[in-house]
Amino acid sequence: MSATYVNPYNHLSDSAERNLAQAMHLSNRPYSAFEGLAIVAKGIARGAAAFGNYLISVAEALNEARAADARFTGTQW
């Protein structure tokens, strides 16, 4: 049972429902589950790419910090 049936107060506002209905009427084609999955997959891919870029930047910052520390302490890196 979904949350919509459990919670009777979980509804779209009139303006959101109106905008959704208007968008569906303007597209003149039925909603495709495959398109929905493609949108989700693109979002996951973007999130994974952003996380990968974050890990790369953290690794670069750690390497720079180690190099700076090695310069001041006289040890070899």
C-alpha atoms as a PDB file:
ATOM      1  CA  MET A   1       0.000   0.000   0.000  1.00  0.00           C
ATOM      2  CA  SER A   2       1.524   3.309  -1.011  1.00  0.00           C
ATOM      3  CA  ALA A   3       1.774   6.391   1.149  1.00  0.00           C
ATOM      4  CA  THR A   4      -0.854   8.137  -0.977  1.00  0.00           C
ATOM      5  CA  TYR A   5      -3.531   5.720   0.230  1.00  0.00           C
ATOM      6  CA  VAL A   6      -2.304   5.706   3.807  1.00  0.00           C
ATOM      7  CA  ASN A   7      -2.124   9.481   4.143  1.00  0.00           C
ATOM      8  CA  PRO A   8      -5.249  11.214   2.782  1.00  0.00           C
ATOM      9  CA  TYR A   9      -3.574  14.634   3.109  1.00  0.00           C
ATOM     10  CA  ASN A  10      -0.813  13.774   0.661  1.00  0.00           C
ATOM     11  CA  HIS A  11      -2.212  15.456  -2.473  1.00  0.00           C
ATOM     12  CA  LEU A  12      -0.920  17.786  -5.141  1.00  0.00           C
ATOM     13  CA  SER A  13      -1.850  21.401  -4.792  1.00  0.00           C
ATOM     14  CA  ASP A  14      -4.318  22.754  -7.343  1.00  0.00           C
ATOM     15  CA  SER A  15      -1.646  24.698  -9.200  1.00  0.00           C
ATOM     16  CA  ALA A  16       0.768  21.739  -9.322  1.00  0.00           C
ATOM     17  CA  GLU A  17      -1.990  19.449 -10.532  1.00  0.00           C
ATOM     18  CA  ARG A  18      -3.036  22.009 -13.142  1.00  0.00           C
ATOM     19  CA  ASN A  19       0.562  22.402 -14.370  1.00  0.00           C
ATOM     20  CA  LEU A  20       1.024  18.621 -14.535  1.00  0.00           C
ATOM     21  CA  ALA A  21      -2.197  18.145 -16.488  1.00  0.00           C
ATOM     22  CA  GLN A  22      -1.272  20.963 -18.862  1.00  0.00           C
ATOM     23  CA  ALA A  23       2.182  19.475 -19.469  1.00  0.00           C
ATOM     24  CA  MET A  24       0.633  16.080 -20.224  1.00  0.00           C
ATOM     25  CA  HIS A  25      -1.840  17.646 -22.665  1.00  0.00           C
ATOM     26  CA  LEU A  26       0.844  19.675 -24.425  1.00  0.00           C
ATOM     27  CA  SER A  27       3.074  16.666 -25.066  1.00  0.00           C
ATOM     28  CA  ASN A  28       0.287  14.836 -27.006  1.00  0.00           C
ATOM     29  CA  ARG A  29       1.794  11.450 -26.279  1.00  0.00           C
ATOM     30  CA  PRO A  30       1.476   8.962 -23.446  1.00  0.00           C
ATOM     31  CA  TYR A  31       4.022   8.702 -20.688  1.00  0.00           C
ATOM     32  CA  SER A  32       6.617   6.025 -21.292  1.00  0.00           C
ATOM     33  CA  ALA A  33       8.103   4.062 -18.408  1.00  0.00           C
ATOM     34  CA  PHE A  34      11.280   3.672 -20.461  1.00  0.00           C
ATOM     35  CA  GLU A  35      11.658   7.481 -20.624  1.00  0.00           C
ATOM     36  CA  GLY A  36      11.190   7.649 -16.865  1.00  0.00           C
ATOM     37  CA  LEU A  37      13.882   5.033 -16.333  1.00  0.00           C
ATOM     38  CA  ALA A  38      16.176   6.916 -18.710  1.00  0.00           C
ATOM     39  CA  ILE A  39      15.713  10.107 -16.684  1.00  0.00           C
ATOM     40  CA  VAL A  40      16.510   8.235 -13.463  1.00  0.00           C
ATOM     41  CA  ALA A  41      19.553   6.586 -15.050  1.00  0.00           C
ATOM     42  CA  LYS A  42      20.870   9.960 -16.248  1.00  0.00           C
ATOM     43  CA  GLY A  43      20.463  11.368 -12.743  1.00  0.00           C
ATOM     44  CA  ILE A  44      22.313   8.442 -11.205  1.00  0.00           C
ATOM     45  CA  ALA A  45      25.089   8.776 -13.799  1.00  0.00           C
ATOM     46  CA  ARG A  46      25.459  12.488 -13.064  1.00  0.00           C
ATOM     47  CA  GLY A  47      25.590  11.786  -9.336  1.00  0.00           C
ATOM     48  CA  ALA A  48      28.217   9.076  -9.801  1.00  0.00           C
ATOM     49  CA  ALA A  49      30.319  11.371 -11.998  1.00  0.00           C
ATOM     50  CA  ALA A  50      30.099  14.167  -9.427  1.00  0.00           C
ATOM     51  CA  PHE A  51      31.117  11.768  -6.648  1.00  0.00           C
ATOM     52  CA  GLY A  52      34.049  10.532  -8.744  1.00  0.00           C
ATOM     53  CA  ASN A  53      35.185  14.108  -9.373  1.00  0.00           C
ATOM     54  CA  TYR A  54      34.920  14.780  -5.641  1.00  0.00           C
ATOM     55  CA  LEU A  55      37.109  11.772  -4.848  1.00  0.00           C
ATOM     56  CA  ILE A  56      39.686  12.919  -7.400  1.00  0.00           C
ATOM     57  CA  SER A  57      39.807  16.415  -5.907  1.00  0.00           C
ATOM     58  CA  VAL A  58      40.196  14.987  -2.387  1.00  0.00           C
ATOM     59  CA  ALA A  59      43.059  12.739  -3.549  1.00  0.00           C
ATOM     60  CA  GLU A  60      44.768  15.703  -5.240  1.00  0.00           C
ATOM     61  CA  ALA A  61      44.404  17.821  -2.101  1.00  0.00           C
ATOM     62  CA  LEU A  62      45.868  15.031   0.026  1.00  0.00           C
ATOM     63  CA  ASN A  63      48.814  14.625  -2.351  1.00  0.00           C
ATOM     64  CA  GLU A  64      49.466  18.385  -2.290  1.00  0.00           C
ATOM     65  CA  ALA A  65      49.323  18.404   1.505  1.00  0.00           C
ATOM     66  CA  ARG A  66      51.745  15.478   1.722  1.00  0.00           C
ATOM     67  CA  ALA A  67      54.111  17.146  -0.728  1.00  0.00           C
ATOM     68  CA  ALA A  68      54.017  20.395   1.238  1.00  0.00           C
ATOM     69  CA  ASP A  69      54.605  18.504   4.468  1.00  0.00           C
ATOM     70  CA  ALA A  70      57.541  16.654   2.908  1.00  0.00           C
ATOM     71  CA  ARG A  71      59.125  19.932   1.823  1.00  0.00           C
ATOM     72  CA  PHE A  72      58.984  21.341   5.340  1.00  0.00           C
ATOM     73  CA  THR A  73      60.060  18.207   7.190  1.00  0.00           C
ATOM     74  CA  GLY A  74      62.831  17.247   4.785  1.00  0.00           C
ATOM     75  CA  THR A  75      61.514  13.748   4.052  1.00  0.00           C
ATOM     76  CA  GLN A  76      61.256  12.261   0.569  1.00  0.00           C
ATOM     77  CA  TRP A  77      57.904  11.637  -1.061  1.00  0.00           C
END
